[in-house]
Amino acid sequence: MEERTTDEIAAIFTAAGDSVTEIGVAKKEWETDAEWKDRVKRNVEHLEVIKAYKKLDETTSIWTSESFTAIDAAVVAGKKIYE
């Protein structure tokens, strides 16, 4: 296994943005409360996993100068929905 490339890291960060968006989407009219909370929880967990990604040394974060402000806010908001 090799270290993630800059392009791979950028793609992961973009995917995190998709989860931020999903957390911010209101309950869809066809969703039950349980389905909505489950959708939000899955996206919060996805963000927490992504944020914890490490290099092969299992100590150093893959993240460098990325801003996690929106991700952190989405995690907090999402947890208020399902906790």
PDB file of N, CA and C in Angstrom:
ATOM      1  N   MET A   1       0.851  -1.177   0.000  1.00  0.00           N
ATOM      2  CA  MET A   1       0.000   0.000   0.000  1.00  0.00           C
ATOM      3  C   MET A   1       0.894   1.237   0.000  1.00  0.00           C
ATOM      4  N   GLU A   2       0.458   2.236  -0.715  1.00  0.00           N
ATOM      5  CA  GLU A   2       1.211   3.492  -0.794  1.00  0.00           C
ATOM      6  C   GLU A   2       0.433   4.614  -0.121  1.00  0.00           C
ATOM      7  N   GLU A   3       1.150   5.688   0.168  1.00  0.00           N
ATOM      8  CA  GLU A   3       0.489   6.874   0.721  1.00  0.00           C
ATOM      9  C   GLU A   3      -0.528   7.396  -0.291  1.00  0.00           C
ATOM     10  N   ARG A   4      -1.560   8.016   0.211  1.00  0.00           N
ATOM     11  CA  ARG A   4      -2.547   8.634  -0.676  1.00  0.00           C
ATOM     12  C   ARG A   4      -1.895   9.807  -1.403  1.00  0.00           C
ATOM     13  N   THR A   5      -2.284   9.964  -2.657  1.00  0.00           N
ATOM     14  CA  THR A   5      -1.757  11.077  -3.441  1.00  0.00           C
ATOM     15  C   THR A   5      -2.520  12.346  -3.102  1.00  0.00           C
ATOM     16  N   THR A   6      -1.995  13.461  -3.536  1.00  0.00           N
ATOM     17  CA  THR A   6      -2.668  14.748  -3.347  1.00  0.00           C
ATOM     18  C   THR A   6      -4.040  14.724  -3.995  1.00  0.00           C
ATOM     19  N   ASP A   7      -4.144  14.128  -5.179  1.00  0.00           N
ATOM     20  CA  ASP A   7      -5.446  14.033  -5.863  1.00  0.00           C
ATOM     21  C   ASP A   7      -6.427  13.160  -5.093  1.00  0.00           C
ATOM     22  N   GLU A   8      -5.945  12.062  -4.527  1.00  0.00           N
ATOM     23  CA  GLU A   8      -6.823  11.193  -3.740  1.00  0.00           C
ATOM     24  C   GLU A   8      -7.321  11.910  -2.488  1.00  0.00           C
ATOM     25  N   ILE A   9      -6.441  12.638  -1.842  1.00  0.00           N
ATOM     26  CA  ILE A   9      -6.829  13.392  -0.649  1.00  0.00           C
ATOM     27  C   ILE A   9      -7.857  14.456  -1.009  1.00  0.00           C
ATOM     28  N   ALA A  10      -7.659  15.126  -2.138  1.00  0.00           N
ATOM     29  CA  ALA A  10      -8.628  16.137  -2.589  1.00  0.00           C
ATOM     30  C   ALA A  10      -9.989  15.497  -2.857  1.00  0.00           C
ATOM     31  N   ALA A  11      -9.999  14.310  -3.442  1.00  0.00           N
ATOM     32  CA  ALA A  11     -11.264  13.617  -3.723  1.00  0.00           C
ATOM     33  C   ALA A  11     -11.962  13.222  -2.427  1.00  0.00           C
ATOM     34  N   ILE A  12     -11.202  12.789  -1.439  1.00  0.00           N
ATOM     35  CA  ILE A  12     -11.782  12.436  -0.140  1.00  0.00           C
ATOM     36  C   ILE A  12     -12.406  13.670   0.507  1.00  0.00           C
ATOM     37  N   PHE A  13     -11.709  14.792   0.416  1.00  0.00           N
ATOM     38  CA  PHE A  13     -12.227  16.025   1.005  1.00  0.00           C
ATOM     39  C   PHE A  13     -13.499  16.474   0.294  1.00  0.00           C
ATOM     40  N   THR A  14     -13.547  16.292  -1.024  1.00  0.00           N
ATOM     41  CA  THR A  14     -14.764  16.611  -1.789  1.00  0.00           C
ATOM     42  C   THR A  14     -15.920  15.731  -1.332  1.00  0.00           C
ATOM     43  N   ALA A  15     -15.648  14.456  -1.127  1.00  0.00           N
ATOM     44  CA  ALA A  15     -16.684  13.537  -0.636  1.00  0.00           C
ATOM     45  C   ALA A  15     -17.188  13.967   0.739  1.00  0.00           C
ATOM     46  N   ALA A  16     -16.299  14.498   1.556  1.00  0.00           N
ATOM     47  CA  ALA A  16     -16.712  15.004   2.863  1.00  0.00           C
ATOM     48  C   ALA A  16     -17.710  16.148   2.694  1.00  0.00           C
ATOM     49  N   GLY A  17     -17.490  16.975   1.693  1.00  0.00           N
ATOM     50  CA  GLY A  17     -18.421  18.073   1.415  1.00  0.00           C
ATOM     51  C   GLY A  17     -19.808  17.567   1.071  1.00  0.00           C
ATOM     52  N   ASP A  18     -19.870  16.431   0.382  1.00  0.00           N
ATOM     53  CA  ASP A  18     -21.174  15.831   0.063  1.00  0.00           C
ATOM     54  C   ASP A  18     -21.905  15.428   1.334  1.00  0.00           C
ATOM     55  N   SER A  19     -21.164  14.896   2.299  1.00  0.00           N
ATOM     56  CA  SER A  19     -21.786  14.515   3.571  1.00  0.00           C
ATOM     57  C   SER A  19     -22.244  15.737   4.356  1.00  0.00           C
ATOM     58  N   VAL A  20     -21.468  16.802   4.295  1.00  0.00           N
ATOM     59  CA  VAL A  20     -21.874  18.055   4.944  1.00  0.00           C
ATOM     60  C   VAL A  20     -23.211  18.512   4.366  1.00  0.00           C
ATOM     61  N   THR A  21     -23.315  18.458   3.056  1.00  0.00           N
ATOM     62  CA  THR A  21     -24.562  18.867   2.387  1.00  0.00           C
ATOM     63  C   THR A  21     -25.723  17.985   2.821  1.00  0.00           C
ATOM     64  N   GLU A  22     -25.515  16.672   2.857  1.00  0.00           N
ATOM     65  CA  GLU A  22     -26.587  15.741   3.245  1.00  0.00           C
ATOM     66  C   GLU A  22     -27.074  15.999   4.659  1.00  0.00           C
ATOM     67  N   ILE A  23     -26.177  16.318   5.552  1.00  0.00           N
ATOM     68  CA  ILE A  23     -26.570  16.594   6.937  1.00  0.00           C
ATOM     69  C   ILE A  23     -27.447  17.841   6.989  1.00  0.00           C
ATOM     70  N   GLY A  24     -27.163  18.796   6.116  1.00  0.00           N
ATOM     71  CA  GLY A  24     -27.925  20.038   6.089  1.00  0.00           C
ATOM     72  C   GLY A  24     -29.264  19.951   5.378  1.00  0.00           C
ATOM     73  N   VAL A  25     -29.515  18.833   4.696  1.00  0.00           N
ATOM     74  CA  VAL A  25     -30.778  18.664   3.973  1.00  0.00           C
ATOM     75  C   VAL A  25     -31.868  18.309   4.980  1.00  0.00           C
ATOM     76  N   ALA A  26     -32.967  19.025   4.903  1.00  0.00           N
ATOM     77  CA  ALA A  26     -34.088  18.769   5.809  1.00  0.00           C
ATOM     78  C   ALA A  26     -34.669  17.378   5.559  1.00  0.00           C
ATOM     79  N   LYS A  27     -35.441  16.924   6.496  1.00  0.00           N
ATOM     80  CA  LYS A  27     -36.116  15.641   6.368  1.00  0.00           C
ATOM     81  C   LYS A  27     -36.943  15.663   5.097  1.00  0.00           C
ATOM     82  N   LYS A  28     -36.739  14.652   4.276  1.00  0.00           N
ATOM     83  CA  LYS A  28     -37.477  14.554   3.016  1.00  0.00           C
ATOM     84  C   LYS A  28     -38.892  14.083   3.308  1.00  0.00           C
ATOM     85  N   GLU A  29     -39.849  14.520   2.508  1.00  0.00           N
ATOM     86  CA  GLU A  29     -41.254  14.236   2.817  1.00  0.00           C
ATOM     87  C   GLU A  29     -41.560  12.745   2.866  1.00  0.00           C
ATOM     88  N   TRP A  30     -40.816  11.935   2.163  1.00  0.00           N
ATOM     89  CA  TRP A  30     -41.062  10.491   2.157  1.00  0.00           C
ATOM     90  C   TRP A  30     -40.317   9.751   3.261  1.00  0.00           C
ATOM     91  N   GLU A  31     -39.399  10.429   3.963  1.00  0.00           N
ATOM     92  CA  GLU A  31     -38.615   9.788   5.018  1.00  0.00           C
ATOM     93  C   GLU A  31     -39.376   9.751   6.336  1.00  0.00           C
ATOM     94  N   THR A  32     -39.242   8.643   7.023  1.00  0.00           N
ATOM     95  CA  THR A  32     -39.740   8.607   8.400  1.00  0.00           C
ATOM     96  C   THR A  32     -38.709   9.332   9.266  1.00  0.00           C
ATOM     97  N   ASP A  33     -39.070   9.642  10.486  1.00  0.00           N
ATOM     98  CA  ASP A  33     -38.111  10.271  11.400  1.00  0.00           C
ATOM     99  C   ASP A  33     -36.892   9.364  11.590  1.00  0.00           C
ATOM    100  N   ALA A  34     -37.137   8.063  11.722  1.00  0.00           N
ATOM    101  CA  ALA A  34     -36.037   7.109  11.929  1.00  0.00           C
ATOM    102  C   ALA A  34     -35.115   7.081  10.709  1.00  0.00           C
ATOM    103  N   GLU A  35     -35.666   7.100   9.512  1.00  0.00           N
ATOM    104  CA  GLU A  35     -34.847   7.094   8.293  1.00  0.00           C
ATOM    105  C   GLU A  35     -34.011   8.364   8.181  1.00  0.00           C
ATOM    106  N   TRP A  36     -34.627   9.493   8.502  1.00  0.00           N
ATOM    107  CA  TRP A  36     -33.920  10.773   8.444  1.00  0.00           C
ATOM    108  C   TRP A  36     -32.758  10.776   9.434  1.00  0.00           C
ATOM    109  N   LYS A  37     -33.036  10.371  10.670  1.00  0.00           N
ATOM    110  CA  LYS A  37     -31.988  10.343  11.685  1.00  0.00           C
ATOM    111  C   LYS A  37     -30.877   9.373  11.291  1.00  0.00           C
ATOM    112  N   ASP A  38     -31.232   8.241  10.689  1.00  0.00           N
ATOM    113  CA  ASP A  38     -30.236   7.274  10.251  1.00  0.00           C
ATOM    114  C   ASP A  38     -29.369   7.852   9.131  1.00  0.00           C
ATOM    115  N   ARG A  39     -29.987   8.569   8.191  1.00  0.00           N
ATOM    116  CA  ARG A  39     -29.235   9.205   7.099  1.00  0.00           C
ATOM    117  C   ARG A  39     -28.246  10.222   7.661  1.00  0.00           C
ATOM    118  N   VAL A  40     -28.715  11.028   8.582  1.00  0.00           N
ATOM    119  CA  VAL A  40     -27.833  12.032   9.191  1.00  0.00           C
ATOM    120  C   VAL A  40     -26.707  11.348   9.955  1.00  0.00           C
ATOM    121  N   LYS A  41     -27.034  10.325  10.720  1.00  0.00           N
ATOM    122  CA  LYS A  41     -26.025   9.621  11.515  1.00  0.00           C
ATOM    123  C   LYS A  41     -24.960   8.996  10.618  1.00  0.00           C
ATOM    124  N   ARG A  42     -25.360   8.368   9.528  1.00  0.00           N
ATOM    125  CA  ARG A  42     -24.387   7.768   8.602  1.00  0.00           C
ATOM    126  C   ARG A  42     -23.425   8.816   8.065  1.00  0.00           C
ATOM    127  N   ASN A  43     -23.949   9.996   7.740  1.00  0.00           N
ATOM    128  CA  ASN A  43     -23.091  11.051   7.199  1.00  0.00           C
ATOM    129  C   ASN A  43     -22.179  11.646   8.269  1.00  0.00           C
ATOM    130  N   VAL A  44     -22.659  11.775   9.490  1.00  0.00           N
ATOM    131  CA  VAL A  44     -21.806  12.235  10.593  1.00  0.00           C
ATOM    132  C   VAL A  44     -20.662  11.239  10.810  1.00  0.00           C
ATOM    133  N   GLU A  45     -21.005   9.959  10.846  1.00  0.00           N
ATOM    134  CA  GLU A  45     -19.978   8.936  11.042  1.00  0.00           C
ATOM    135  C   GLU A  45     -18.964   8.953   9.899  1.00  0.00           C
ATOM    136  N   HIS A  46     -19.439   9.170   8.681  1.00  0.00           N
ATOM    137  CA  HIS A  46     -18.551   9.265   7.521  1.00  0.00           C
ATOM    138  C   HIS A  46     -17.560  10.417   7.708  1.00  0.00           C
ATOM    139  N   LEU A  47     -18.044  11.549   8.156  1.00  0.00           N
ATOM    140  CA  LEU A  47     -17.166  12.698   8.374  1.00  0.00           C
ATOM    141  C   LEU A  47     -16.147  12.425   9.475  1.00  0.00           C
ATOM    142  N   GLU A  48     -16.581  11.778  10.528  1.00  0.00           N
ATOM    143  CA  GLU A  48     -15.656  11.473  11.621  1.00  0.00           C
ATOM    144  C   GLU A  48     -14.557  10.511  11.167  1.00  0.00           C
ATOM    145  N   VAL A  49     -14.908   9.543  10.344  1.00  0.00           N
ATOM    146  CA  VAL A  49     -13.914   8.604   9.810  1.00  0.00           C
ATOM    147  C   VAL A  49     -12.932   9.339   8.906  1.00  0.00           C
ATOM    148  N   ILE A  50     -13.470  10.137   7.995  1.00  0.00           N
ATOM    149  CA  ILE A  50     -12.613  10.881   7.064  1.00  0.00           C
ATOM    150  C   ILE A  50     -11.655  11.799   7.823  1.00  0.00           C
ATOM    151  N   LYS A  51     -12.163  12.484   8.805  1.00  0.00           N
ATOM    152  CA  LYS A  51     -11.324  13.428   9.547  1.00  0.00           C
ATOM    153  C   LYS A  51     -10.179  12.716  10.275  1.00  0.00           C
ATOM    154  N   ALA A  52     -10.371  11.465  10.611  1.00  0.00           N
ATOM    155  CA  ALA A  52      -9.366  10.708  11.353  1.00  0.00           C
ATOM    156  C   ALA A  52      -8.347   9.992  10.457  1.00  0.00           C
ATOM    157  N   TYR A  53      -8.454  10.118   9.145  1.00  0.00           N
ATOM    158  CA  TYR A  53      -7.528   9.411   8.247  1.00  0.00           C
ATOM    159  C   TYR A  53      -6.075   9.744   8.566  1.00  0.00           C
ATOM    160  N   LYS A  54      -5.262   8.710   8.570  1.00  0.00           N
ATOM    161  CA  LYS A  54      -3.837   8.840   8.864  1.00  0.00           C
ATOM    162  C   LYS A  54      -2.999   8.351   7.689  1.00  0.00           C
ATOM    163  N   LYS A  55      -1.755   8.759   7.688  1.00  0.00           N
ATOM    164  CA  LYS A  55      -0.792   8.249   6.722  1.00  0.00           C
ATOM    165  C   LYS A  55      -0.428   6.818   7.123  1.00  0.00           C
ATOM    166  N   LEU A  56       0.403   6.178   6.330  1.00  0.00           N
ATOM    167  CA  LEU A  56       0.777   4.791   6.598  1.00  0.00           C
ATOM    168  C   LEU A  56       1.453   4.592   7.946  1.00  0.00           C
ATOM    169  N   ASP A  57       2.040   5.647   8.488  1.00  0.00           N
ATOM    170  CA  ASP A  57       2.675   5.519   9.812  1.00  0.00           C
ATOM    171  C   ASP A  57       1.645   5.396  10.934  1.00  0.00           C
ATOM    172  N   GLU A  58       0.371   5.547  10.571  1.00  0.00           N
ATOM    173  CA  GLU A  58      -0.768   5.441  11.491  1.00  0.00           C
ATOM    174  C   GLU A  58      -0.766   6.480  12.606  1.00  0.00           C
ATOM    175  N   THR A  59       0.031   7.523  12.445  1.00  0.00           N
ATOM    176  CA  THR A  59       0.126   8.584  13.435  1.00  0.00           C
ATOM    177  C   THR A  59      -0.152   9.950  12.816  1.00  0.00           C
ATOM    178  N   THR A  60       0.427  10.200  11.659  1.00  0.00           N
ATOM    179  CA  THR A  60       0.350  11.497  11.009  1.00  0.00           C
ATOM    180  C   THR A  60      -0.931  11.608  10.190  1.00  0.00           C
ATOM    181  N   SER A  61      -1.655  12.691  10.386  1.00  0.00           N
ATOM    182  CA  SER A  61      -2.874  12.944   9.620  1.00  0.00           C
ATOM    183  C   SER A  61      -2.549  13.156   8.146  1.00  0.00           C
ATOM    184  N   ILE A  62      -3.467  12.745   7.271  1.00  0.00           N
ATOM    185  CA  ILE A  62      -3.287  13.020   5.840  1.00  0.00           C
ATOM    186  C   ILE A  62      -3.595  14.474   5.529  1.00  0.00           C
ATOM    187  N   TRP A  63      -4.249  15.136   6.458  1.00  0.00           N
ATOM    188  CA  TRP A  63      -4.705  16.497   6.217  1.00  0.00           C
ATOM    189  C   TRP A  63      -3.598  17.496   6.508  1.00  0.00           C
ATOM    190  N   THR A  64      -3.567  18.536   5.690  1.00  0.00           N
ATOM    191  CA  THR A  64      -2.543  19.565   5.867  1.00  0.00           C
ATOM    192  C   THR A  64      -3.204  20.907   6.135  1.00  0.00           C
ATOM    193  N   SER A  65      -3.585  21.616   5.083  1.00  0.00           N
ATOM    194  CA  SER A  65      -4.133  22.965   5.265  1.00  0.00           C
ATOM    195  C   SER A  65      -5.642  23.036   5.050  1.00  0.00           C
ATOM    196  N   GLU A  66      -6.309  21.893   4.945  1.00  0.00           N
ATOM    197  CA  GLU A  66      -7.758  21.896   4.715  1.00  0.00           C
ATOM    198  C   GLU A  66      -8.488  22.496   5.914  1.00  0.00           C
ATOM    199  N   SER A  67      -9.548  23.214   5.616  1.00  0.00           N
ATOM    200  CA  SER A  67     -10.372  23.794   6.675  1.00  0.00           C
ATOM    201  C   SER A  67     -11.501  22.820   7.021  1.00  0.00           C
ATOM    202  N   PHE A  68     -11.600  22.490   8.287  1.00  0.00           N
ATOM    203  CA  PHE A  68     -12.641  21.586   8.752  1.00  0.00           C
ATOM    204  C   PHE A  68     -13.786  22.325   9.436  1.00  0.00           C
ATOM    205  N   THR A  69     -13.871  23.620   9.246  1.00  0.00           N
ATOM    206  CA  THR A  69     -14.918  24.411   9.898  1.00  0.00           C
ATOM    207  C   THR A  69     -16.307  23.903   9.538  1.00  0.00           C
ATOM    208  N   ALA A  70     -16.589  23.726   8.259  1.00  0.00           N
ATOM    209  CA  ALA A  70     -17.914  23.261   7.819  1.00  0.00           C
ATOM    210  C   ALA A  70     -18.163  21.822   8.269  1.00  0.00           C
ATOM    211  N   ILE A  71     -17.130  21.000   8.218  1.00  0.00           N
ATOM    212  CA  ILE A  71     -17.270  19.604   8.636  1.00  0.00           C
ATOM    213  C   ILE A  71     -17.573  19.530  10.130  1.00  0.00           C
ATOM    214  N   ASP A  72     -16.826  20.259  10.922  1.00  0.00           N
ATOM    215  CA  ASP A  72     -17.057  20.261  12.377  1.00  0.00           C
ATOM    216  C   ASP A  72     -18.457  20.758  12.710  1.00  0.00           C
ATOM    217  N   ALA A  73     -18.898  21.805  12.031  1.00  0.00           N
ATOM    218  CA  ALA A  73     -20.245  22.345  12.271  1.00  0.00           C
ATOM    219  C   ALA A  73     -21.314  21.325  11.884  1.00  0.00           C
ATOM    220  N   ALA A  74     -21.101  20.621  10.773  1.00  0.00           N
ATOM    221  CA  ALA A  74     -22.072  19.615  10.335  1.00  0.00           C
ATOM    222  C   ALA A  74     -22.146  18.458  11.322  1.00  0.00           C
ATOM    223  N   VAL A  75     -21.019  18.048  11.854  1.00  0.00           N
ATOM    224  CA  VAL A  75     -21.003  16.968  12.842  1.00  0.00           C
ATOM    225  C   VAL A  75     -21.793  17.377  14.083  1.00  0.00           C
ATOM    226  N   VAL A  76     -21.565  18.575  14.571  1.00  0.00           N
ATOM    227  CA  VAL A  76     -22.289  19.060  15.754  1.00  0.00           C
ATOM    228  C   VAL A  76     -23.788  19.142  15.468  1.00  0.00           C
ATOM    229  N   ALA A  77     -24.138  19.727  14.335  1.00  0.00           N
ATOM    230  CA  ALA A  77     -25.556  19.868  13.970  1.00  0.00           C
ATOM    231  C   ALA A  77     -26.206  18.500  13.778  1.00  0.00           C
ATOM    232  N   GLY A  78     -25.496  17.601  13.126  1.00  0.00           N
ATOM    233  CA  GLY A  78     -26.030  16.276  12.871  1.00  0.00           C
ATOM    234  C   GLY A  78     -26.284  15.505  14.157  1.00  0.00           C
ATOM    235  N   LYS A  79     -25.359  15.587  15.090  1.00  0.00           N
ATOM    236  CA  LYS A  79     -25.532  14.868  16.356  1.00  0.00           C
ATOM    237  C   LYS A  79     -26.739  15.397  17.137  1.00  0.00           C
ATOM    238  N   LYS A  80     -27.035  16.676  16.992  1.00  0.00           N
ATOM    239  CA  LYS A  80     -28.220  17.230  17.664  1.00  0.00           C
ATOM    240  C   LYS A  80     -29.492  16.623  17.098  1.00  0.00           C
ATOM    241  N   ILE A  81     -29.446  16.191  15.851  1.00  0.00           N
ATOM    242  CA  ILE A  81     -30.629  15.607  15.216  1.00  0.00           C
ATOM    243  C   ILE A  81     -30.892  14.185  15.722  1.00  0.00           C
ATOM    244  N   TYR A  82     -29.845  13.385  15.832  1.00  0.00           N
ATOM    245  CA  TYR A  82     -30.091  11.976  16.152  1.00  0.00           C
ATOM    246  C   TYR A  82     -29.758  11.568  17.578  1.00  0.00           C
ATOM    247  N   GLU A  83     -29.184  12.431  18.361  1.00  0.00           N
ATOM    248  CA  GLU A  83     -28.894  12.028  19.749  1.00  0.00           C
ATOM    249  C   GLU A  83     -30.031  12.374  20.675  1.00  0.00           C
TER     250      GLU A  83
END
